[in-house]
């Protein structure tokens, strides 16, 4: 007779996922991107208004700035640039640089008239 052992942790995770909930990072709540998550975000927006997100984003940014300092932003910017270069290729920067330069010249020309 063979015995099958069930990991209750796996059962709990499966049940939560079926319910549209997540245990990612041990956080409670709906799975990010799910319909339940979208509904929750809409409810918060209706209750507090769109300015709420701006306010909490700014507060979070200030907290990160205080805790980690400017070097943190330099590091993540460098990592992001390296990742973009790997994914898009170095020609990508040439292309977006030209677009930015053209847009800058066009807006400068509009201000002169």
PDB file of N, CA and C in Angstrom:
ATOM      1  N   UNK A   1       0.835  -1.173   0.000  1.00  0.00           N
ATOM      2  CA  UNK A   1       0.000   0.000   0.000  1.00  0.00           C
ATOM      3  C   UNK A   1       0.888   1.246   0.000  1.00  0.00           C
ATOM      4  N   UNK A   2       0.689   2.137  -0.972  1.00  0.00           N
ATOM      5  CA  UNK A   2       1.514   3.343  -1.028  1.00  0.00           C
ATOM      6  C   UNK A   2       0.766   4.503  -0.387  1.00  0.00           C
ATOM      7  N   UNK A   3       1.533   5.350   0.253  1.00  0.00           N
ATOM      8  CA  UNK A   3       0.953   6.522   0.909  1.00  0.00           C
ATOM      9  C   UNK A   3       1.366   7.762   0.146  1.00  0.00           C
ATOM     10  N   UNK A   4       0.437   8.650  -0.020  1.00  0.00           N
ATOM     11  CA  UNK A   4       0.730   9.920  -0.663  1.00  0.00           C
ATOM     12  C   UNK A   4       0.639  11.026   0.368  1.00  0.00           C
ATOM     13  N   UNK A   5       1.704  11.774   0.491  1.00  0.00           N
ATOM     14  CA  UNK A   5       1.712  12.864   1.444  1.00  0.00           C
ATOM     15  C   UNK A   5       1.361  14.153   0.710  1.00  0.00           C
ATOM     16  N   UNK A   6       0.557  14.940   1.326  1.00  0.00           N
ATOM     17  CA  UNK A   6       0.128  16.200   0.733  1.00  0.00           C
ATOM     18  C   UNK A   6       0.763  17.338   1.516  1.00  0.00           C
ATOM     19  N   UNK A   7       1.383  18.234   0.792  1.00  0.00           N
ATOM     20  CA  UNK A   7       1.939  19.422   1.422  1.00  0.00           C
ATOM     21  C   UNK A   7       0.799  20.424   1.570  1.00  0.00           C
ATOM     22  N   UNK A   8       0.453  20.747   2.794  1.00  0.00           N
ATOM     23  CA  UNK A   8      -0.652  21.673   3.020  1.00  0.00           C
ATOM     24  C   UNK A   8      -0.332  23.046   2.471  1.00  0.00           C
ATOM     25  N   UNK A   9       0.943  23.371   2.429  1.00  0.00           N
ATOM     26  CA  UNK A   9       1.343  24.661   1.873  1.00  0.00           C
ATOM     27  C   UNK A   9       0.943  24.738   0.403  1.00  0.00           C
ATOM     28  N   UNK A  10       1.204  23.669  -0.363  1.00  0.00           N
ATOM     29  CA  UNK A  10       0.843  23.653  -1.779  1.00  0.00           C
ATOM     30  C   UNK A  10      -0.660  23.696  -1.970  1.00  0.00           C
ATOM     31  N   UNK A  11      -1.394  23.010  -1.106  1.00  0.00           N
ATOM     32  CA  UNK A  11      -2.850  23.020  -1.192  1.00  0.00           C
ATOM     33  C   UNK A  11      -3.367  24.432  -0.944  1.00  0.00           C
ATOM     34  N   UNK A  12      -2.814  25.087   0.068  1.00  0.00           N
ATOM     35  CA  UNK A  12      -3.235  26.442   0.402  1.00  0.00           C
ATOM     36  C   UNK A  12      -2.970  27.395  -0.759  1.00  0.00           C
ATOM     37  N   UNK A  13      -1.807  27.298  -1.361  1.00  0.00           N
ATOM     38  CA  UNK A  13      -1.459  28.162  -2.487  1.00  0.00           C
ATOM     39  C   UNK A  13      -2.405  27.907  -3.657  1.00  0.00           C
ATOM     40  N   UNK A  14      -2.697  26.642  -3.942  1.00  0.00           N
ATOM     41  CA  UNK A  14      -3.595  26.309  -5.053  1.00  0.00           C
ATOM     42  C   UNK A  14      -4.992  26.871  -4.792  1.00  0.00           C
ATOM     43  N   UNK A  15      -5.489  26.728  -3.582  1.00  0.00           N
ATOM     44  CA  UNK A  15      -6.811  27.238  -3.236  1.00  0.00           C
ATOM     45  C   UNK A  15      -6.844  28.755  -3.369  1.00  0.00           C
ATOM     46  N   UNK A  16      -5.782  29.413  -2.898  1.00  0.00           N
ATOM     47  CA  UNK A  16      -5.726  30.869  -3.012  1.00  0.00           C
ATOM     48  C   UNK A  16      -5.710  31.321  -4.464  1.00  0.00           C
ATOM     49  N   UNK A  17      -4.936  30.627  -5.289  1.00  0.00           N
ATOM     50  CA  UNK A  17      -4.870  31.001  -6.708  1.00  0.00           C
ATOM     51  C   UNK A  17      -6.213  30.821  -7.383  1.00  0.00           C
ATOM     52  N   UNK A  18      -6.894  29.718  -7.066  1.00  0.00           N
ATOM     53  CA  UNK A  18      -8.206  29.481  -7.659  1.00  0.00           C
ATOM     54  C   UNK A  18      -9.186  30.570  -7.246  1.00  0.00           C
ATOM     55  N   UNK A  19      -8.992  31.122  -6.061  1.00  0.00           N
ATOM     56  CA  UNK A  19      -9.859  32.198  -5.573  1.00  0.00           C
ATOM     57  C   UNK A  19      -9.408  33.557  -6.110  1.00  0.00           C
ATOM     58  N   UNK A  20      -8.310  33.583  -6.891  1.00  0.00           N
ATOM     59  CA  UNK A  20      -7.796  34.843  -7.431  1.00  0.00           C
ATOM     60  C   UNK A  20      -6.961  35.610  -6.431  1.00  0.00           C
ATOM     61  N   UNK A  21      -6.431  34.909  -5.412  1.00  0.00           N
ATOM     62  CA  UNK A  21      -5.618  35.555  -4.396  1.00  0.00           C
ATOM     63  C   UNK A  21      -4.176  35.120  -4.536  1.00  0.00           C
ATOM     64  N   UNK A  22      -3.262  35.843  -3.905  1.00  0.00           N
ATOM     65  CA  UNK A  22      -1.839  35.582  -4.056  1.00  0.00           C
ATOM     66  C   UNK A  22      -1.159  35.455  -2.712  1.00  0.00           C
ATOM     67  N   UNK A  23      -0.090  34.643  -2.686  1.00  0.00           N
ATOM     68  CA  UNK A  23       0.765  34.576  -1.508  1.00  0.00           C
ATOM     69  C   UNK A  23       2.160  35.060  -1.890  1.00  0.00           C
ATOM     70  N   UNK A  24       2.282  35.720  -3.039  1.00  0.00           N
ATOM     71  CA  UNK A  24       3.573  36.225  -3.496  1.00  0.00           C
ATOM     72  C   UNK A  24       4.139  37.164  -2.445  1.00  0.00           C
ATOM     73  N   UNK A  25       5.377  36.960  -2.088  1.00  0.00           N
ATOM     74  CA  UNK A  25       6.046  37.774  -1.069  1.00  0.00           C
ATOM     75  C   UNK A  25       5.281  37.797   0.250  1.00  0.00           C
ATOM     76  N   UNK A  26       4.534  36.748   0.510  1.00  0.00           N
ATOM     77  CA  UNK A  26       3.731  36.632   1.731  1.00  0.00           C
ATOM     78  C   UNK A  26       2.751  37.791   1.896  1.00  0.00           C
ATOM     79  N   UNK A  27       2.311  38.362   0.802  1.00  0.00           N
ATOM     80  CA  UNK A  27       1.339  39.448   0.857  1.00  0.00           C
ATOM     81  C   UNK A  27      -0.046  38.880   0.604  1.00  0.00           C
ATOM     82  N   UNK A  28      -1.006  39.399   1.325  1.00  0.00           N
ATOM     83  CA  UNK A  28      -2.376  38.979   1.115  1.00  0.00           C
ATOM     84  C   UNK A  28      -2.977  39.803   0.004  1.00  0.00           C
ATOM     85  N   UNK A  29      -4.008  39.299  -0.583  1.00  0.00           N
ATOM     86  CA  UNK A  29      -4.714  40.069  -1.588  1.00  0.00           C
ATOM     87  C   UNK A  29      -4.737  39.360  -2.921  1.00  0.00           C
ATOM     88  N   UNK A  30      -5.407  39.979  -3.869  1.00  0.00           N
ATOM     89  CA  UNK A  30      -5.559  39.349  -5.178  1.00  0.00           C
ATOM     90  C   UNK A  30      -4.244  39.256  -5.946  1.00  0.00           C
ATOM     91  N   UNK A  31      -4.183  38.302  -6.844  1.00  0.00           N
ATOM     92  CA  UNK A  31      -3.029  38.119  -7.725  1.00  0.00           C
ATOM     93  C   UNK A  31      -2.897  39.379  -8.577  1.00  0.00           C
ATOM     94  N   UNK A  32      -1.718  39.989  -8.634  1.00  0.00           N
ATOM     95  CA  UNK A  32      -1.559  41.200  -9.444  1.00  0.00           C
ATOM     96  C   UNK A  32      -1.983  40.960 -10.891  1.00  0.00           C
ATOM     97  N   UNK A  33      -2.750  41.897 -11.429  1.00  0.00           N
ATOM     98  CA  UNK A  33      -3.216  41.799 -12.809  1.00  0.00           C
ATOM     99  C   UNK A  33      -4.525  41.054 -12.959  1.00  0.00           C
ATOM    100  N   UNK A  34      -4.994  40.390 -11.898  1.00  0.00           N
ATOM    101  CA  UNK A  34      -6.247  39.641 -11.985  1.00  0.00           C
ATOM    102  C   UNK A  34      -7.434  40.600 -11.975  1.00  0.00           C
ATOM    103  N   UNK A  35      -8.602  40.082 -12.326  1.00  0.00           N
ATOM    104  CA  UNK A  35      -9.821  40.894 -12.312  1.00  0.00           C
ATOM    105  C   UNK A  35     -10.094  41.430 -10.914  1.00  0.00           C
ATOM    106  N   UNK A  36      -9.845  40.598  -9.889  1.00  0.00           N
ATOM    107  CA  UNK A  36     -10.082  41.042  -8.515  1.00  0.00           C
ATOM    108  C   UNK A  36      -9.150  42.194  -8.151  1.00  0.00           C
ATOM    109  N   UNK A  37      -7.916  42.146  -8.611  1.00  0.00           N
ATOM    110  CA  UNK A  37      -6.971  43.229  -8.336  1.00  0.00           C
ATOM    111  C   UNK A  37      -7.414  44.505  -9.038  1.00  0.00           C
ATOM    112  N   UNK A  38      -7.861  44.379 -10.282  1.00  0.00           N
ATOM    113  CA  UNK A  38      -8.312  45.557 -11.033  1.00  0.00           C
ATOM    114  C   UNK A  38      -9.524  46.190 -10.366  1.00  0.00           C
ATOM    115  N   UNK A  39     -10.433  45.337  -9.903  1.00  0.00           N
ATOM    116  CA  UNK A  39     -11.629  45.851  -9.229  1.00  0.00           C
ATOM    117  C   UNK A  39     -11.245  46.597  -7.951  1.00  0.00           C
ATOM    118  N   UNK A  40     -10.300  46.057  -7.203  1.00  0.00           N
ATOM    119  CA  UNK A  40      -9.842  46.716  -5.975  1.00  0.00           C
ATOM    120  C   UNK A  40      -9.219  48.062  -6.269  1.00  0.00           C
ATOM    121  N   UNK A  41      -8.426  48.133  -7.331  1.00  0.00           N
ATOM    122  CA  UNK A  41      -7.808  49.397  -7.717  1.00  0.00           C
ATOM    123  C   UNK A  41      -8.839  50.427  -8.131  1.00  0.00           C
ATOM    124  N   UNK A  42      -9.874  49.975  -8.821  1.00  0.00           N
ATOM    125  CA  UNK A  42     -10.939  50.890  -9.237  1.00  0.00           C
ATOM    126  C   UNK A  42     -11.708  51.416  -8.026  1.00  0.00           C
ATOM    127  N   UNK A  43     -11.930  50.529  -7.041  1.00  0.00           N
ATOM    128  CA  UNK A  43     -12.648  50.936  -5.838  1.00  0.00           C
ATOM    129  C   UNK A  43     -11.850  51.988  -5.071  1.00  0.00           C
ATOM    130  N   UNK A  44     -10.547  51.797  -4.978  1.00  0.00           N
ATOM    131  CA  UNK A  44      -9.694  52.773  -4.283  1.00  0.00           C
ATOM    132  C   UNK A  44      -9.707  54.097  -5.037  1.00  0.00           C
ATOM    133  N   UNK A  45      -9.626  54.036  -6.366  1.00  0.00           N
ATOM    134  CA  UNK A  45      -9.634  55.267  -7.166  1.00  0.00           C
ATOM    135  C   UNK A  45     -10.951  56.024  -6.977  1.00  0.00           C
ATOM    136  N   UNK A  46     -12.065  55.287  -6.948  1.00  0.00           N
ATOM    137  CA  UNK A  46     -13.363  55.939  -6.759  1.00  0.00           C
ATOM    138  C   UNK A  46     -13.468  56.551  -5.360  1.00  0.00           C
ATOM    139  N   UNK A  47     -12.928  55.867  -4.371  1.00  0.00           N
ATOM    140  CA  UNK A  47     -13.028  56.345  -2.992  1.00  0.00           C
ATOM    141  C   UNK A  47     -12.120  57.547  -2.727  1.00  0.00           C
ATOM    142  N   UNK A  48     -10.862  57.479  -3.180  1.00  0.00           N
ATOM    143  CA  UNK A  48      -9.872  58.502  -2.834  1.00  0.00           C
ATOM    144  C   UNK A  48      -9.518  59.449  -3.969  1.00  0.00           C
ATOM    145  N   UNK A  49      -9.835  59.090  -5.190  1.00  0.00           N
ATOM    146  CA  UNK A  49      -9.511  59.928  -6.334  1.00  0.00           C
ATOM    147  C   UNK A  49      -8.108  59.666  -6.865  1.00  0.00           C
ATOM    148  N   UNK A  50      -7.838  60.077  -8.099  1.00  0.00           N
ATOM    149  CA  UNK A  50      -6.535  59.805  -8.727  1.00  0.00           C
ATOM    150  C   UNK A  50      -5.366  60.510  -8.038  1.00  0.00           C
ATOM    151  N   UNK A  51      -5.624  61.622  -7.355  1.00  0.00           N
ATOM    152  CA  UNK A  51      -4.548  62.346  -6.667  1.00  0.00           C
ATOM    153  C   UNK A  51      -3.920  61.493  -5.570  1.00  0.00           C
ATOM    154  N   UNK A  52      -4.719  60.577  -5.032  1.00  0.00           N
ATOM    155  CA  UNK A  52      -4.247  59.686  -3.968  1.00  0.00           C
ATOM    156  C   UNK A  52      -3.010  58.915  -4.417  1.00  0.00           C
ATOM    157  N   UNK A  53      -3.040  58.391  -5.648  1.00  0.00           N
ATOM    158  CA  UNK A  53      -1.918  57.607  -6.153  1.00  0.00           C
ATOM    159  C   UNK A  53      -0.672  58.466  -6.296  1.00  0.00           C
ATOM    160  N   UNK A  54      -0.856  59.693  -6.741  1.00  0.00           N
ATOM    161  CA  UNK A  54       0.271  60.614  -6.862  1.00  0.00           C
ATOM    162  C   UNK A  54       0.874  60.892  -5.492  1.00  0.00           C
ATOM    163  N   UNK A  55       0.009  61.101  -4.520  1.00  0.00           N
ATOM    164  CA  UNK A  55       0.452  61.418  -3.159  1.00  0.00           C
ATOM    165  C   UNK A  55       1.217  60.250  -2.547  1.00  0.00           C
ATOM    166  N   UNK A  56       0.682  59.027  -2.654  1.00  0.00           N
ATOM    167  CA  UNK A  56       1.366  57.886  -2.032  1.00  0.00           C
ATOM    168  C   UNK A  56       2.628  57.512  -2.800  1.00  0.00           C
ATOM    169  N   UNK A  57       2.623  57.745  -4.110  1.00  0.00           N
ATOM    170  CA  UNK A  57       3.831  57.485  -4.895  1.00  0.00           C
ATOM    171  C   UNK A  57       4.956  58.420  -4.501  1.00  0.00           C
ATOM    172  N   UNK A  58       4.615  59.669  -4.305  1.00  0.00           N
ATOM    173  CA  UNK A  58       5.610  60.659  -3.899  1.00  0.00           C
ATOM    174  C   UNK A  58       6.147  60.339  -2.501  1.00  0.00           C
ATOM    175  N   UNK A  59       5.238  59.945  -1.615  1.00  0.00           N
ATOM    176  CA  UNK A  59       5.628  59.598  -0.256  1.00  0.00           C
ATOM    177  C   UNK A  59       6.581  58.397  -0.259  1.00  0.00           C
ATOM    178  N   UNK A  60       6.256  57.391  -1.074  1.00  0.00           N
ATOM    179  CA  UNK A  60       7.118  56.211  -1.185  1.00  0.00           C
ATOM    180  C   UNK A  60       8.474  56.559  -1.763  1.00  0.00           C
ATOM    181  N   UNK A  61       8.482  57.417  -2.773  1.00  0.00           N
ATOM    182  CA  UNK A  61       9.731  57.850  -3.385  1.00  0.00           C
ATOM    183  C   UNK A  61      10.618  58.598  -2.412  1.00  0.00           C
ATOM    184  N   UNK A  62      10.010  59.453  -1.613  1.00  0.00           N
ATOM    185  CA  UNK A  62      10.773  60.200  -0.600  1.00  0.00           C
ATOM    186  C   UNK A  62      11.372  59.255   0.440  1.00  0.00           C
ATOM    187  N   UNK A  63      10.602  58.234   0.822  1.00  0.00           N
ATOM    188  CA  UNK A  63      11.081  57.257   1.806  1.00  0.00           C
ATOM    189  C   UNK A  63      12.280  56.491   1.261  1.00  0.00           C
ATOM    190  N   UNK A  64      12.189  56.062   0.000  1.00  0.00           N
ATOM    191  CA  UNK A  64      13.305  55.342  -0.625  1.00  0.00           C
ATOM    192  C   UNK A  64      14.523  56.245  -0.705  1.00  0.00           C
ATOM    193  N   UNK A  65      14.302  57.498  -1.078  1.00  0.00           N
ATOM    194  CA  UNK A  65      15.401  58.459  -1.191  1.00  0.00           C
ATOM    195  C   UNK A  65      16.113  58.637   0.152  1.00  0.00           C
ATOM    196  N   UNK A  66      15.326  58.732   1.231  1.00  0.00           N
ATOM    197  CA  UNK A  66      15.925  58.888   2.559  1.00  0.00           C
ATOM    198  C   UNK A  66      16.691  57.644   2.994  1.00  0.00           C
ATOM    199  N   UNK A  67      16.114  56.469   2.739  1.00  0.00           N
ATOM    200  CA  UNK A  67      16.725  55.224   3.207  1.00  0.00           C
ATOM    201  C   UNK A  67      17.943  54.821   2.381  1.00  0.00           C
ATOM    202  N   UNK A  68      17.857  54.973   1.058  1.00  0.00           N
ATOM    203  CA  UNK A  68      18.904  54.432   0.185  1.00  0.00           C
ATOM    204  C   UNK A  68      19.841  55.461  -0.402  1.00  0.00           C
ATOM    205  N   UNK A  69      19.418  56.691  -0.507  1.00  0.00           N
ATOM    206  CA  UNK A  69      20.283  57.744  -1.014  1.00  0.00           C
ATOM    207  C   UNK A  69      20.372  57.786  -2.522  1.00  0.00           C
ATOM    208  N   UNK A  70      21.065  58.807  -3.044  1.00  0.00           N
ATOM    209  CA  UNK A  70      21.138  59.008  -4.498  1.00  0.00           C
ATOM    210  C   UNK A  70      21.899  57.896  -5.226  1.00  0.00           C
ATOM    211  N   UNK A  71      22.832  57.234  -4.540  1.00  0.00           N
ATOM    212  CA  UNK A  71      23.609  56.171  -5.181  1.00  0.00           C
ATOM    213  C   UNK A  71      22.698  55.036  -5.664  1.00  0.00           C
ATOM    214  N   UNK A  72      21.630  54.776  -4.909  1.00  0.00           N
ATOM    215  CA  UNK A  72      20.672  53.728  -5.269  1.00  0.00           C
ATOM    216  C   UNK A  72      20.079  53.996  -6.649  1.00  0.00           C
ATOM    217  N   UNK A  73      19.690  55.244  -6.899  1.00  0.00           N
ATOM    218  CA  UNK A  73      19.090  55.589  -8.184  1.00  0.00           C
ATOM    219  C   UNK A  73      20.104  55.455  -9.319  1.00  0.00           C
ATOM    220  N   UNK A  74      21.349  55.796  -9.049  1.00  0.00           N
ATOM    221  CA  UNK A  74      22.400  55.633 -10.052  1.00  0.00           C
ATOM    222  C   UNK A  74      22.571  54.155 -10.403  1.00  0.00           C
ATOM    223  N   UNK A  75      22.543  53.292  -9.379  1.00  0.00           N
ATOM    224  CA  UNK A  75      22.707  51.848  -9.605  1.00  0.00           C
ATOM    225  C   UNK A  75      21.562  51.265 -10.402  1.00  0.00           C
ATOM    226  N   UNK A  76      20.313  51.594 -10.015  1.00  0.00           N
ATOM    227  CA  UNK A  76      19.188  50.996 -10.734  1.00  0.00           C
ATOM    228  C   UNK A  76      19.071  51.571 -12.142  1.00  0.00           C
ATOM    229  N   UNK A  77      19.467  52.829 -12.323  1.00  0.00           N
ATOM    230  CA  UNK A  77      19.472  53.411 -13.664  1.00  0.00           C
ATOM    231  C   UNK A  77      20.471  52.709 -14.562  1.00  0.00           C
ATOM    232  N   UNK A  78      21.635  52.410 -14.015  1.00  0.00           N
ATOM    233  CA  UNK A  78      22.668  51.715 -14.780  1.00  0.00           C
ATOM    234  C   UNK A  78      22.202  50.306 -15.155  1.00  0.00           C
ATOM    235  N   UNK A  79      21.602  49.600 -14.188  1.00  0.00           N
ATOM    236  CA  UNK A  79      21.085  48.248 -14.450  1.00  0.00           C
ATOM    237  C   UNK A  79      20.003  48.285 -15.525  1.00  0.00           C
ATOM    238  N   UNK A  80      19.116  49.277 -15.432  1.00  0.00           N
ATOM    239  CA  UNK A  80      18.053  49.404 -16.428  1.00  0.00           C
ATOM    240  C   UNK A  80      18.608  49.695 -17.810  1.00  0.00           C
ATOM    241  N   UNK A  81      19.601  50.560 -17.871  1.00  0.00           N
ATOM    242  CA  UNK A  81      20.233  50.874 -19.155  1.00  0.00           C
ATOM    243  C   UNK A  81      20.927  49.667 -19.764  1.00  0.00           C
ATOM    244  N   UNK A  82      21.607  48.887 -18.914  1.00  0.00           N
ATOM    245  CA  UNK A  82      22.275  47.676 -19.402  1.00  0.00           C
ATOM    246  C   UNK A  82      21.265  46.663 -19.914  1.00  0.00           C
ATOM    247  N   UNK A  83      20.161  46.524 -19.200  1.00  0.00           N
ATOM    248  CA  UNK A  83      19.112  45.594 -19.605  1.00  0.00           C
ATOM    249  C   UNK A  83      18.498  46.026 -20.936  1.00  0.00           C
ATOM    250  N   UNK A  84      18.219  47.321 -21.071  1.00  0.00           N
ATOM    251  CA  UNK A  84      17.655  47.842 -22.318  1.00  0.00           C
ATOM    252  C   UNK A  84      18.626  47.622 -23.470  1.00  0.00           C
ATOM    253  N   UNK A  85      19.910  47.869 -23.230  1.00  0.00           N
ATOM    254  CA  UNK A  85      20.919  47.681 -24.273  1.00  0.00           C
ATOM    255  C   UNK A  85      20.971  46.223 -24.709  1.00  0.00           C
ATOM    256  N   UNK A  86      20.891  45.299 -23.719  1.00  0.00           N
ATOM    257  CA  UNK A  86      20.889  43.866 -24.049  1.00  0.00           C
ATOM    258  C   UNK A  86      19.664  43.485 -24.882  1.00  0.00           C
ATOM    259  N   UNK A  87      18.515  44.018 -24.507  1.00  0.00           N
ATOM    260  CA  UNK A  87      17.266  43.649 -25.172  1.00  0.00           C
ATOM    261  C   UNK A  87      17.070  44.359 -26.504  1.00  0.00           C
ATOM    262  N   UNK A  88      17.419  45.644 -26.574  1.00  0.00           N
ATOM    263  CA  UNK A  88      17.118  46.453 -27.756  1.00  0.00           C
ATOM    264  C   UNK A  88      18.306  46.629 -28.704  1.00  0.00           C
ATOM    265  N   UNK A  89      19.507  46.471 -28.173  1.00  0.00           N
ATOM    266  CA  UNK A  89      20.694  46.710 -28.985  1.00  0.00           C
ATOM    267  C   UNK A  89      21.130  48.161 -28.871  1.00  0.00           C
ATOM    268  N   UNK A  90      22.399  48.415 -29.135  1.00  0.00           N
ATOM    269  CA  UNK A  90      22.919  49.771 -28.959  1.00  0.00           C
ATOM    270  C   UNK A  90      22.349  50.745 -29.995  1.00  0.00           C
ATOM    271  N   UNK A  91      21.860  50.240 -31.129  1.00  0.00           N
ATOM    272  CA  UNK A  91      21.272  51.118 -32.153  1.00  0.00           C
ATOM    273  C   UNK A  91      20.026  51.824 -31.616  1.00  0.00           C
ATOM    274  N   UNK A  92      19.369  51.192 -30.668  1.00  0.00           N
ATOM    275  CA  UNK A  92      18.163  51.742 -30.066  1.00  0.00           C
ATOM    276  C   UNK A  92      18.423  53.141 -29.508  1.00  0.00           C
ATOM    277  N   UNK A  93      19.552  53.310 -28.826  1.00  0.00           N
ATOM    278  CA  UNK A  93      19.871  54.603 -28.224  1.00  0.00           C
ATOM    279  C   UNK A  93      20.093  55.664 -29.303  1.00  0.00           C
ATOM    280  N   UNK A  94      20.689  55.280 -30.410  1.00  0.00           N
ATOM    281  CA  UNK A  94      20.893  56.208 -31.514  1.00  0.00           C
ATOM    282  C   UNK A  94      19.539  56.673 -32.059  1.00  0.00           C
ATOM    283  N   UNK A  95      18.624  55.715 -32.213  1.00  0.00           N
ATOM    284  CA  UNK A  95      17.303  56.012 -32.759  1.00  0.00           C
ATOM    285  C   UNK A  95      16.513  56.950 -31.839  1.00  0.00           C
ATOM    286  N   UNK A  96      16.484  56.647 -30.536  1.00  0.00           N
ATOM    287  CA  UNK A  96      15.695  57.496 -29.635  1.00  0.00           C
ATOM    288  C   UNK A  96      16.368  58.851 -29.412  1.00  0.00           C
ATOM    289  N   UNK A  97      17.704  58.878 -29.514  1.00  0.00           N
ATOM    290  CA  UNK A  97      18.416  60.148 -29.403  1.00  0.00           C
ATOM    291  C   UNK A  97      18.065  61.083 -30.548  1.00  0.00           C
ATOM    292  N   UNK A  98      17.987  60.528 -31.763  1.00  0.00           N
ATOM    293  CA  UNK A  98      17.608  61.339 -32.923  1.00  0.00           C
ATOM    294  C   UNK A  98      16.185  61.866 -32.770  1.00  0.00           C
ATOM    295  N   UNK A  99      15.265  60.980 -32.307  1.00  0.00           N
ATOM    296  CA  UNK A  99      13.874  61.412 -32.119  1.00  0.00           C
ATOM    297  C   UNK A  99      13.792  62.539 -31.099  1.00  0.00           C
ATOM    298  N   UNK A 100      14.513  62.404 -29.995  1.00  0.00           N
ATOM    299  CA  UNK A 100      14.509  63.443 -28.966  1.00  0.00           C
ATOM    300  C   UNK A 100      15.087  64.743 -29.483  1.00  0.00           C
ATOM    301  N   UNK A 101      16.165  64.640 -30.247  1.00  0.00           N
ATOM    302  CA  UNK A 101      16.786  65.837 -30.816  1.00  0.00           C
ATOM    303  C   UNK A 101      15.860  66.548 -31.788  1.00  0.00           C
ATOM    304  N   UNK A 102      15.165  65.776 -32.621  1.00  0.00           N
ATOM    305  CA  UNK A 102      14.222  66.373 -33.575  1.00  0.00           C
ATOM    306  C   UNK A 102      13.075  67.055 -32.844  1.00  0.00           C
ATOM    307  N   UNK A 103      12.579  66.419 -31.806  1.00  0.00           N
ATOM    308  CA  UNK A 103      11.471  66.997 -31.046  1.00  0.00           C
ATOM    309  C   UNK A 103      11.930  68.281 -30.357  1.00  0.00           C
ATOM    310  N   UNK A 104      13.132  68.287 -29.858  1.00  0.00           N
ATOM    311  CA  UNK A 104      13.673  69.473 -29.186  1.00  0.00           C
ATOM    312  C   UNK A 104      13.814  70.637 -30.143  1.00  0.00           C
ATOM    313  N   UNK A 105      14.306  70.351 -31.350  1.00  0.00           N
ATOM    314  CA  UNK A 105      14.453  71.407 -32.363  1.00  0.00           C
ATOM    315  C   UNK A 105      13.086  71.932 -32.785  1.00  0.00           C
ATOM    316  N   UNK A 106      12.101  71.028 -32.928  1.00  0.00           N
ATOM    317  CA  UNK A 106      10.768  71.449 -33.358  1.00  0.00           C
ATOM    318  C   UNK A 106      10.111  72.351 -32.312  1.00  0.00           C
ATOM    319  N   UNK A 107      10.246  72.004 -31.028  1.00  0.00           N
ATOM    320  CA  UNK A 107       9.630  72.835 -29.991  1.00  0.00           C
ATOM    321  C   UNK A 107      10.369  74.170 -29.846  1.00  0.00           C
ATOM    322  N   UNK A 108      11.670  74.179 -30.055  1.00  0.00           N
ATOM    323  CA  UNK A 108      12.447  75.419 -29.997  1.00  0.00           C
ATOM    324  C   UNK A 108      12.053  76.335 -31.150  1.00  0.00           C
ATOM    325  N   UNK A 109      11.817  75.749 -32.331  1.00  0.00           N
ATOM    326  CA  UNK A 109      11.416  76.550 -33.489  1.00  0.00           C
ATOM    327  C   UNK A 109      10.044  77.162 -33.277  1.00  0.00           C
ATOM    328  N   UNK A 110       9.148  76.421 -32.607  1.00  0.00           N
ATOM    329  CA  UNK A 110       7.804  76.920 -32.325  1.00  0.00           C
ATOM    330  C   UNK A 110       7.816  78.075 -31.347  1.00  0.00           C
ATOM    331  N   UNK A 111       8.772  78.125 -30.455  1.00  0.00           N
ATOM    332  CA  UNK A 111       8.867  79.180 -29.448  1.00  0.00           C
ATOM    333  C   UNK A 111       9.398  80.484 -30.052  1.00  0.00           C
ATOM    334  N   UNK A 112      10.196  80.357 -31.131  1.00  0.00           N
ATOM    335  CA  UNK A 112      10.804  81.533 -31.747  1.00  0.00           C
ATOM    336  C   UNK A 112       9.793  82.369 -32.497  1.00  0.00           C
ATOM    337  N   UNK A 113       8.730  81.739 -33.036  1.00  0.00           N
ATOM    338  CA  UNK A 113       7.788  82.506 -33.846  1.00  0.00           C
ATOM    339  C   UNK A 113       6.809  83.278 -33.048  1.00  0.00           C
TER     340      UNK A 113
END
